[in-house]
Amino acid sequence: MSSLRLISVSAAALLVPGLAHARPKLTPTVVFLDASPSMKLIMVMLVAASVGAIVVAVRKVLSGPRLTGGSAYLQALRLGGPLIGLLGAAWNLMMSNLAIANVGQQPPYHVLAPGVAEAAFLFVLGLIAGVIAVIC
């Protein structure tokens, strides 16, 4: 009986292409490419701000005992980076919930997963920007 069940499940997987093929993997690159233009802008701004914080820190270290300039930028990034990431994540989740409410039926989680991943990615980028600013 169990071998018959295994054969029938295998035959169904081969006959229905959707069951036989795995979904494409969700990576940070796919999340970025799938994001809306406004969320892409926030992601690029947070990454650029993180790189800018590293550049400011390196310039401060190379300047030796003077250590002048860049402190206001780092302080603003410490406070603003996580908040901008959180704002982007909250906006994204609000838009996702509005879309679910307008559809009227609960979509499966694999449909919702890219939006949730995008919100988490925005939040993590904001945290990374803030942490880099604190360390530098």
C-alpha atoms as a PDB file:
ATOM      1  CA  MET A   1       0.000   0.000   0.000  1.00  0.00           C
ATOM      2  CA  SER A   2       2.755   2.481   0.848  1.00  0.00           C
ATOM      3  CA  SER A   3       4.624   1.820  -2.411  1.00  0.00           C
ATOM      4  CA  LEU A   4       1.395   2.483  -4.340  1.00  0.00           C
ATOM      5  CA  ARG A   5       1.025   5.786  -2.512  1.00  0.00           C
ATOM      6  CA  LEU A   6       4.635   6.706  -3.314  1.00  0.00           C
ATOM      7  CA  ILE A   7       4.128   5.868  -6.987  1.00  0.00           C
ATOM      8  CA  SER A   8       0.930   7.931  -7.189  1.00  0.00           C
ATOM      9  CA  VAL A   9       2.555  10.946  -5.526  1.00  0.00           C
ATOM     10  CA  SER A  10       5.574  10.667  -7.823  1.00  0.00           C
ATOM     11  CA  ALA A  11       3.342  10.405 -10.889  1.00  0.00           C
ATOM     12  CA  ALA A  12       1.367  13.462  -9.787  1.00  0.00           C
ATOM     13  CA  ALA A  13       4.595  15.418  -9.309  1.00  0.00           C
ATOM     14  CA  LEU A  14       5.783  14.481 -12.773  1.00  0.00           C
ATOM     15  CA  LEU A  15       2.461  15.244 -14.451  1.00  0.00           C
ATOM     16  CA  VAL A  16       1.951  18.634 -12.813  1.00  0.00           C
ATOM     17  CA  PRO A  17       4.961  20.867 -13.572  1.00  0.00           C
ATOM     18  CA  GLY A  18       4.225  23.222 -10.680  1.00  0.00           C
ATOM     19  CA  LEU A  19       4.720  20.428  -8.199  1.00  0.00           C
ATOM     20  CA  ALA A  20       7.838  19.056  -9.834  1.00  0.00           C
ATOM     21  CA  HIS A  21       9.837  22.321  -9.906  1.00  0.00           C
ATOM     22  CA  ALA A  22      10.997  24.203  -6.872  1.00  0.00           C
ATOM     23  CA  ARG A  23      10.370  27.931  -6.618  1.00  0.00           C
ATOM     24  CA  PRO A  24      13.337  30.197  -7.307  1.00  0.00           C
ATOM     25  CA  LYS A  25      15.389  31.025  -4.250  1.00  0.00           C
ATOM     26  CA  LEU A  26      14.776  34.385  -2.626  1.00  0.00           C
ATOM     27  CA  THR A  27      18.090  36.223  -2.245  1.00  0.00           C
ATOM     28  CA  PRO A  28      18.851  39.825  -1.236  1.00  0.00           C
ATOM     29  CA  THR A  29      19.449  40.634  -4.911  1.00  0.00           C
ATOM     30  CA  VAL A  30      16.033  39.263  -5.875  1.00  0.00           C
ATOM     31  CA  VAL A  31      14.445  41.185  -2.991  1.00  0.00           C
ATOM     32  CA  PHE A  32      16.103  44.410  -4.190  1.00  0.00           C
ATOM     33  CA  LEU A  33      15.103  43.863  -7.821  1.00  0.00           C
ATOM     34  CA  ASP A  34      11.521  43.066  -6.800  1.00  0.00           C
ATOM     35  CA  ALA A  35      11.177  46.191  -4.641  1.00  0.00           C
ATOM     36  CA  SER A  36       9.256  49.285  -5.653  1.00  0.00           C
ATOM     37  CA  PRO A  37      11.305  52.295  -6.826  1.00  0.00           C
ATOM     38  CA  SER A  38      10.778  54.196  -3.568  1.00  0.00           C
ATOM     39  CA  MET A  39      11.984  51.229  -1.505  1.00  0.00           C
ATOM     40  CA  LYS A  40      14.967  50.760  -3.840  1.00  0.00           C
ATOM     41  CA  LEU A  41      15.841  54.414  -3.233  1.00  0.00           C
ATOM     42  CA  ILE A  42      15.741  53.905   0.533  1.00  0.00           C
ATOM     43  CA  MET A  43      17.874  50.758   0.243  1.00  0.00           C
ATOM     44  CA  VAL A  44      20.469  52.524  -1.916  1.00  0.00           C
ATOM     45  CA  MET A  45      20.506  55.524   0.444  1.00  0.00           C
ATOM     46  CA  LEU A  46      21.120  53.297   3.468  1.00  0.00           C
ATOM     47  CA  VAL A  47      23.938  51.401   1.763  1.00  0.00           C
ATOM     48  CA  ALA A  48      25.493  54.669   0.542  1.00  0.00           C
ATOM     49  CA  ALA A  49      25.218  56.145   4.040  1.00  0.00           C
ATOM     50  CA  SER A  50      26.955  53.083   5.484  1.00  0.00           C
ATOM     51  CA  VAL A  51      29.781  53.372   2.959  1.00  0.00           C
ATOM     52  CA  GLY A  52      29.976  57.095   3.700  1.00  0.00           C
ATOM     53  CA  ALA A  53      30.299  56.366   7.421  1.00  0.00           C
ATOM     54  CA  ILE A  54      33.193  54.008   6.744  1.00  0.00           C
ATOM     55  CA  VAL A  55      34.884  56.650   4.557  1.00  0.00           C
ATOM     56  CA  VAL A  56      34.454  59.296   7.258  1.00  0.00           C
ATOM     57  CA  ALA A  57      35.876  56.936   9.892  1.00  0.00           C
ATOM     58  CA  VAL A  58      38.896  56.093   7.731  1.00  0.00           C
ATOM     59  CA  ARG A  59      39.541  59.788   7.042  1.00  0.00           C
ATOM     60  CA  LYS A  60      39.335  60.554  10.767  1.00  0.00           C
ATOM     61  CA  VAL A  61      41.808  57.790  11.583  1.00  0.00           C
ATOM     62  CA  LEU A  62      44.209  58.880   8.825  1.00  0.00           C
ATOM     63  CA  SER A  63      44.119  62.505   9.962  1.00  0.00           C
ATOM     64  CA  GLY A  64      45.933  61.489  13.130  1.00  0.00           C
ATOM     65  CA  PRO A  65      45.637  63.459  16.327  1.00  0.00           C
ATOM     66  CA  ARG A  66      43.500  66.188  14.764  1.00  0.00           C
ATOM     67  CA  LEU A  67      40.423  63.922  14.334  1.00  0.00           C
ATOM     68  CA  THR A  68      38.193  66.702  13.062  1.00  0.00           C
ATOM     69  CA  GLY A  69      35.105  66.604  10.866  1.00  0.00           C
ATOM     70  CA  GLY A  70      32.481  63.996  10.177  1.00  0.00           C
ATOM     71  CA  SER A  71      31.176  63.639  13.711  1.00  0.00           C
ATOM     72  CA  ALA A  72      27.863  65.328  12.906  1.00  0.00           C
ATOM     73  CA  TYR A  73      27.351  62.992   9.935  1.00  0.00           C
ATOM     74  CA  LEU A  74      28.052  59.923  12.049  1.00  0.00           C
ATOM     75  CA  GLN A  75      25.800  61.157  14.834  1.00  0.00           C
ATOM     76  CA  ALA A  76      22.963  61.789  12.379  1.00  0.00           C
ATOM     77  CA  LEU A  77      23.434  58.347  10.854  1.00  0.00           C
ATOM     78  CA  ARG A  78      23.416  56.721  14.300  1.00  0.00           C
ATOM     79  CA  LEU A  79      19.989  58.158  14.968  1.00  0.00           C
ATOM     80  CA  GLY A  80      18.530  58.328  11.468  1.00  0.00           C
ATOM     81  CA  GLY A  81      19.690  55.066   9.876  1.00  0.00           C
ATOM     82  CA  PRO A  82      17.575  52.703  11.964  1.00  0.00           C
ATOM     83  CA  LEU A  83      14.605  55.069  11.816  1.00  0.00           C
ATOM     84  CA  ILE A  84      14.715  55.342   8.021  1.00  0.00           C
ATOM     85  CA  GLY A  85      14.957  51.548   7.746  1.00  0.00           C
ATOM     86  CA  LEU A  86      12.053  51.130  10.161  1.00  0.00           C
ATOM     87  CA  LEU A  87       9.990  53.708   8.276  1.00  0.00           C
ATOM     88  CA  GLY A  88      10.584  51.871   4.987  1.00  0.00           C
ATOM     89  CA  ALA A  89       9.717  48.520   6.563  1.00  0.00           C
ATOM     90  CA  ALA A  90       6.542  49.870   8.161  1.00  0.00           C
ATOM     91  CA  TRP A  91       5.451  51.514   4.897  1.00  0.00           C
ATOM     92  CA  ASN A  92       6.076  48.296   2.987  1.00  0.00           C
ATOM     93  CA  LEU A  93       4.125  46.173   5.474  1.00  0.00           C
ATOM     94  CA  MET A  94       1.263  48.696   5.522  1.00  0.00           C
ATOM     95  CA  MET A  95       1.024  48.573   1.718  1.00  0.00           C
ATOM     96  CA  SER A  96       1.109  44.764   1.822  1.00  0.00           C
ATOM     97  CA  ASN A  97      -1.706  44.666   4.364  1.00  0.00           C
ATOM     98  CA  LEU A  98      -3.778  47.123   2.333  1.00  0.00           C
ATOM     99  CA  ALA A  99      -3.303  44.951  -0.751  1.00  0.00           C
ATOM    100  CA  ILE A 100      -4.397  41.844   1.192  1.00  0.00           C
ATOM    101  CA  ALA A 101      -7.469  43.692   2.473  1.00  0.00           C
ATOM    102  CA  ASN A 102      -8.409  44.824  -1.042  1.00  0.00           C
ATOM    103  CA  VAL A 103      -8.025  41.328  -2.526  1.00  0.00           C
ATOM    104  CA  GLY A 104     -10.521  39.953  -0.057  1.00  0.00           C
ATOM    105  CA  GLN A 105      -9.002  36.512   0.390  1.00  0.00           C
ATOM    106  CA  GLN A 106      -5.874  35.361   2.151  1.00  0.00           C
ATOM    107  CA  PRO A 107      -3.075  34.727  -0.362  1.00  0.00           C
ATOM    108  CA  PRO A 108      -0.661  31.869   0.347  1.00  0.00           C
ATOM    109  CA  TYR A 109       2.492  32.694   2.276  1.00  0.00           C
ATOM    110  CA  HIS A 110       4.816  32.139  -0.682  1.00  0.00           C
ATOM    111  CA  VAL A 111       3.042  35.090  -2.336  1.00  0.00           C
ATOM    112  CA  LEU A 112       3.536  37.253   0.767  1.00  0.00           C
ATOM    113  CA  ALA A 113       7.114  36.175   1.480  1.00  0.00           C
ATOM    114  CA  PRO A 114       8.874  38.609  -0.928  1.00  0.00           C
ATOM    115  CA  GLY A 115       7.095  41.585   0.664  1.00  0.00           C
ATOM    116  CA  VAL A 116       7.944  40.422   4.170  1.00  0.00           C
ATOM    117  CA  ALA A 117      11.545  39.810   3.089  1.00  0.00           C
ATOM    118  CA  GLU A 118      11.696  43.309   1.596  1.00  0.00           C
ATOM    119  CA  ALA A 119      10.477  44.855   4.853  1.00  0.00           C
ATOM    120  CA  ALA A 120      12.983  42.831   6.869  1.00  0.00           C
ATOM    121  CA  PHE A 121      15.757  43.768   4.426  1.00  0.00           C
ATOM    122  CA  LEU A 122      14.953  47.480   4.817  1.00  0.00           C
ATOM    123  CA  PHE A 123      14.986  47.183   8.594  1.00  0.00           C
ATOM    124  CA  VAL A 124      18.282  45.281   8.612  1.00  0.00           C
ATOM    125  CA  LEU A 125      19.913  47.830   6.275  1.00  0.00           C
ATOM    126  CA  GLY A 126      18.836  50.599   8.662  1.00  0.00           C
ATOM    127  CA  LEU A 127      20.274  48.714  11.618  1.00  0.00           C
ATOM    128  CA  ILE A 128      23.523  48.060   9.759  1.00  0.00           C
ATOM    129  CA  ALA A 129      23.836  51.761   8.925  1.00  0.00           C
ATOM    130  CA  GLY A 130      23.287  52.679  12.568  1.00  0.00           C
ATOM    131  CA  VAL A 131      25.709  50.053  13.869  1.00  0.00           C
ATOM    132  CA  ILE A 132      28.422  51.133  11.438  1.00  0.00           C
ATOM    133  CA  ALA A 133      27.959  54.726  12.564  1.00  0.00           C
ATOM    134  CA  VAL A 134      28.206  53.699  16.232  1.00  0.00           C
ATOM    135  CA  ILE A 135      31.352  51.644  15.639  1.00  0.00           C
ATOM    136  CA  CYS A 136      33.004  54.357  13.566  1.00  0.00           C
END
